[in-house]
Amino acid sequence: MEKRATPKIAEPELPVPDALLEFDTTDPSRGFTCATLTPTIKSKLRELEGGQILEVRVDDPAARLDVPAWSRMSGNELIATVEEDAERTRFYLRKKM
C-alpha cells in the first residue's frame, strides 16, 4: 500500500517589514507595558514614511488587545497578527499615509 504525504497547509505570507520594534516586558526599565507599548510604537512609526510597515514583537499577552485597539484609534492599519505562543506576539502595522 502506497503511503501518501499529508498536504501542508500554506501559511499566509507575511509582509516584509521596513522596521522592527522588539518590546521585552522583562526589561525593568520599560515599566508597565500598557503604559509604554503604544507610545513606543507611535514613536517608531514617526521614523517611517507613510505606507511603510513596522513589525512589533512583544512578550505581553495583553498586547493582543491593546495593539489592535490602538491601531483602530490611530488610523495605522494592522495588517497581520502572529501569536507565537501563549505570551509572544508579532504585529505588522502599516503607517497611515
Protein backbone atom coordinates (compact mmCIF):
# COMPACT_ATOMS: atom_id res chain seq x y z
CA MET A 1 0.00 0.00 0.00
CA GLU A 2 1.43 3.37 -1.02
CA LYS A 3 1.68 5.94 1.74
CA ARG A 4 0.53 9.41 0.75
CA ALA A 5 2.11 12.54 2.12
CA THR A 6 -0.14 14.74 4.19
CA PRO A 7 -0.61 18.04 2.37
CA LYS A 8 0.80 21.00 4.20
CA ILE A 9 -1.42 23.96 4.82
CA ALA A 10 0.23 27.06 3.45
CA GLU A 11 0.65 29.82 5.97
CA PRO A 12 -0.37 33.27 4.80
CA GLU A 13 2.53 35.32 3.53
CA LEU A 14 3.56 37.97 5.99
CA PRO A 15 4.51 41.44 4.82
CA VAL A 16 8.17 42.39 4.67
CA PRO A 17 8.71 44.95 7.42
CA ASP A 18 10.61 48.19 6.88
CA ALA A 19 11.46 48.42 10.59
CA LEU A 20 11.40 46.25 13.69
CA LEU A 21 10.45 47.05 17.28
CA GLU A 22 11.14 44.40 19.91
CA PHE A 23 9.41 45.08 23.20
CA ASP A 24 10.63 42.92 26.10
CA THR A 25 8.44 43.26 29.18
CA THR A 26 11.04 41.51 31.35
CA ASP A 27 13.24 44.59 30.98
CA PRO A 28 12.66 46.56 34.22
CA SER A 29 13.46 49.88 32.53
CA ARG A 30 10.32 49.53 30.36
CA GLY A 31 7.82 49.92 33.18
CA PHE A 32 4.26 48.75 32.64
CA THR A 33 3.64 47.51 29.12
CA CYS A 34 0.20 49.05 28.68
CA ALA A 35 1.56 52.48 29.59
CA THR A 36 4.64 52.31 27.36
CA LEU A 37 3.99 49.97 24.43
CA THR A 38 1.71 52.11 22.29
CA PRO A 39 3.73 55.34 22.82
CA THR A 40 6.83 53.38 21.80
CA ILE A 41 5.06 52.12 18.67
CA LYS A 42 3.94 55.66 17.85
CA SER A 43 7.49 56.93 18.25
CA LYS A 44 8.91 54.21 16.00
CA LEU A 45 6.25 54.87 13.33
CA ARG A 46 7.32 58.55 13.25
CA GLU A 47 10.63 57.35 11.80
CA LEU A 48 8.84 55.70 8.86
CA GLU A 49 7.25 57.08 5.70
CA GLY A 50 3.52 56.68 5.07
CA GLY A 51 2.74 53.17 3.83
CA GLN A 52 5.84 51.57 5.34
CA ILE A 53 5.46 48.55 7.62
CA LEU A 54 6.58 48.15 11.22
CA GLU A 55 6.92 44.71 12.77
CA VAL A 56 6.34 44.77 16.54
CA ARG A 57 7.44 41.80 18.65
CA VAL A 58 6.14 41.77 22.20
CA ASP A 59 6.04 39.21 25.00
CA ASP A 60 2.96 40.52 26.80
CA PRO A 61 -0.33 38.70 26.08
CA ALA A 62 -2.28 41.88 26.93
CA ALA A 63 -0.83 43.45 23.78
CA ARG A 64 -3.19 41.22 21.78
CA LEU A 65 -5.99 43.55 22.85
CA ASP A 66 -4.02 46.79 23.20
CA VAL A 67 -2.32 46.93 19.79
CA PRO A 68 -5.45 46.27 17.65
CA ALA A 69 -7.40 48.86 19.66
CA TRP A 70 -4.60 51.40 19.31
CA SER A 71 -4.37 50.67 15.59
CA ARG A 72 -8.08 51.40 15.09
CA MET A 73 -7.87 54.63 17.09
CA SER A 74 -4.66 55.87 15.46
CA GLY A 75 -5.60 55.03 11.87
CA ASN A 76 -2.50 52.87 11.32
CA GLU A 77 -3.51 49.61 9.65
CA LEU A 78 -2.95 46.34 11.49
CA ILE A 79 -2.02 44.05 8.58
CA ALA A 80 -1.33 40.83 10.47
CA THR A 81 -1.05 39.34 13.95
CA VAL A 82 1.01 36.22 14.62
CA GLU A 83 0.64 34.55 18.00
CA GLU A 84 3.97 32.78 18.52
CA ASP A 85 2.94 31.14 21.81
CA ALA A 86 0.92 31.96 24.94
CA GLU A 87 2.87 35.19 25.50
CA ARG A 88 4.79 36.27 22.41
CA THR A 89 3.05 38.02 19.54
CA ARG A 90 4.16 39.73 16.34
CA PHE A 91 2.15 42.59 14.86
CA TYR A 92 2.58 44.10 11.41
CA LEU A 93 1.41 47.71 11.22
CA ARG A 94 1.26 49.89 8.10
CA LYS A 95 1.83 53.59 8.82
CA LYS A 96 -1.05 55.72 7.64
CA MET A 97 -0.39 57.96 4.66
